[in-house]
Protein backbone atom coordinates (compact mmCIF):
# COMPACT_ATOMS: atom_id res chain seq x y z
CA MET A 1 -8.72 -15.33 0.32
CA LYS A 2 -7.05 -12.61 -1.75
CA THR A 3 -10.48 -11.22 -2.75
CA VAL A 4 -11.66 -11.16 0.85
CA THR A 5 -8.50 -9.33 1.90
CA ALA A 6 -8.96 -6.78 -0.91
CA PHE A 7 -12.54 -6.11 0.24
CA LEU A 8 -11.41 -5.72 3.85
CA LEU A 9 -8.70 -3.26 2.81
CA ALA A 10 -11.19 -1.33 0.68
CA GLY A 11 -13.57 -1.07 3.62
CA LEU A 12 -10.87 0.06 5.99
CA CYS A 13 -9.68 2.65 3.46
CA ALA A 14 -13.19 4.02 3.08
CA ALA A 15 -13.39 4.45 6.83
CA GLN A 16 -10.03 6.25 6.83
CA ALA A 17 -11.17 8.66 4.12
CA ILE A 18 -13.89 9.90 6.49
CA ALA A 19 -11.58 10.46 9.44
CA CYS A 20 -8.17 9.38 10.60
CA ASP A 21 -8.72 6.28 12.71
CA LYS A 22 -5.39 5.01 14.01
CA VAL A 23 -6.84 1.60 14.85
CA ASP A 24 -8.10 1.13 11.28
CA ALA A 25 -4.80 2.44 9.87
CA ALA A 26 -2.88 -0.08 11.96
CA LYS A 27 -5.22 -2.85 10.74
CA VAL A 28 -4.47 -1.93 7.12
CA GLN A 29 -0.73 -2.10 7.78
CA ALA A 30 -1.12 -5.41 9.62
CA ALA A 31 -3.14 -6.88 6.72
CA LEU A 32 -0.50 -5.77 4.21
CA SER A 33 2.24 -7.20 6.41
CA GLU A 34 0.43 -10.54 6.54
CA MET A 35 0.48 -10.55 2.73
CA GLY A 36 4.28 -10.29 2.71
CA THR A 37 4.68 -6.52 2.42
CA GLN A 38 7.71 -5.07 4.22
CA TRP A 39 8.69 -1.47 4.76
CA SER A 40 11.43 0.53 6.38
CA GLU A 41 11.91 4.18 7.23
CA ARG A 42 14.83 6.04 5.74
CA ASP A 43 15.72 9.74 5.79
CA GLY A 44 12.20 10.72 6.87
CA GLY A 45 10.57 8.68 4.10
CA VAL A 46 9.49 5.09 3.61
CA ASN A 47 10.65 2.34 1.25
CA LEU A 48 8.04 -0.36 0.85
CA ASP A 49 8.51 -3.74 -0.83
CA TRP A 50 5.21 -5.26 -1.90
CA GLY A 51 4.50 -8.86 -1.17
CA ARG A 52 2.07 -11.10 -2.97
CA ALA A 53 -0.77 -8.55 -2.65
CA TRP A 54 0.71 -6.79 -5.69
CA ASP A 55 0.66 -9.76 -8.04
CA GLY A 56 -2.49 -10.58 -9.97
CA THR A 57 -4.16 -7.22 -9.29
CA ALA A 58 -5.41 -4.69 -11.84
CA ALA A 59 -3.93 -1.19 -12.09
CA SER A 60 -6.90 0.34 -10.24
CA GLN A 61 -6.43 -2.13 -7.39
CA ARG A 62 -2.71 -1.40 -7.31
CA LEU A 63 -3.42 2.32 -7.01
CA GLY A 64 -5.81 1.47 -4.18
CA LEU A 65 -3.05 -0.45 -2.40
CA LEU A 66 -0.71 2.56 -2.70
CA LYS A 67 -3.41 4.83 -1.31
CA ALA A 68 -4.25 2.42 1.51
CA PHE A 69 -0.69 2.35 2.76
CA ALA A 70 0.00 6.07 2.21
CA GLU A 71 -3.21 7.19 3.95
CA GLY A 72 -2.64 4.80 6.84
CA ASP A 73 0.96 5.95 7.20
CA ALA A 74 -0.13 9.61 7.21
CA CYS A 75 -2.77 8.85 9.82
CA LEU A 76 -0.34 7.02 12.10
CA THR A 77 2.53 9.52 11.74
CA GLY A 78 0.42 12.68 11.59
CA ARG A 79 1.79 13.73 8.18
CA ALA A 80 2.14 12.59 4.60
CA ARG A 81 5.64 11.35 3.78
CA GLU A 82 7.63 10.44 0.71
CA ILE A 83 7.04 6.74 0.06
CA SER A 84 8.72 4.66 -2.64
CA PHE A 85 6.92 1.42 -3.50
CA TYR A 86 8.84 -1.52 -4.99
CA ARG A 87 8.09 -5.03 -6.23
CA HIS A 88 11.01 -7.37 -6.90
CA GLY A 89 13.42 -4.39 -6.74
CA LYS A 90 11.51 -2.38 -9.37
CA LEU A 91 9.98 1.00 -8.50
CA VAL A 92 6.23 0.62 -9.04
CA GLY A 93 4.81 3.70 -7.34
CA ARG A 94 5.43 6.84 -5.33
CA ALA A 95 3.51 8.78 -2.73
CA SER A 96 4.28 12.25 -1.48
CA PRO A 97 2.42 15.05 0.27
CA GLY A 98 1.46 16.20 -3.24
CA GLY A 99 -0.19 12.95 -4.34
CA ILE A 100 0.13 9.31 -5.27
CA GLN A 101 1.46 7.97 -8.57
CA LEU A 102 1.31 4.44 -9.95
CA ILE A 103 4.43 3.96 -12.07
CA ASP A 104 4.10 0.31 -13.03
CA THR A 105 0.91 0.01 -15.08
CA SER A 106 1.96 -3.18 -16.84
CA ALA A 107 -0.34 -6.16 -16.95
CA PRO A 108 -0.24 -8.09 -13.68
CA ARG A 109 1.96 -11.16 -13.57
CA ARG A 110 1.92 -13.95 -11.12
CA SER A 111 5.20 -14.79 -9.55
CA PRO A 112 5.85 -18.20 -8.06
CA GLY A 113 5.81 -18.35 -4.31
CA CYS A 114 5.84 -14.67 -3.32
């Protein structure tokens, strides 16, 4: 199931790269939400706590997840925003109008139950 979800997200992201499609952007956010990801807006930016989609993925896939959310958010809001990405309270990535950075490049770990 996780592999299928990753392929769906990759496909939706490819479609977004061509043009901003708000329906596809909303689908990406819904898929991430279904995987336990939660986010909140604060001071014009976003704090996002990754769910289980983060665990067990390679660094390249993690960067893809950051891009998927950041591009979808920019599409839906009409602008790129500052986004801080966390997993278990640890900062793992950042997105800004200037680019996207994966901070946590450690080997993926599986965490029980989340």
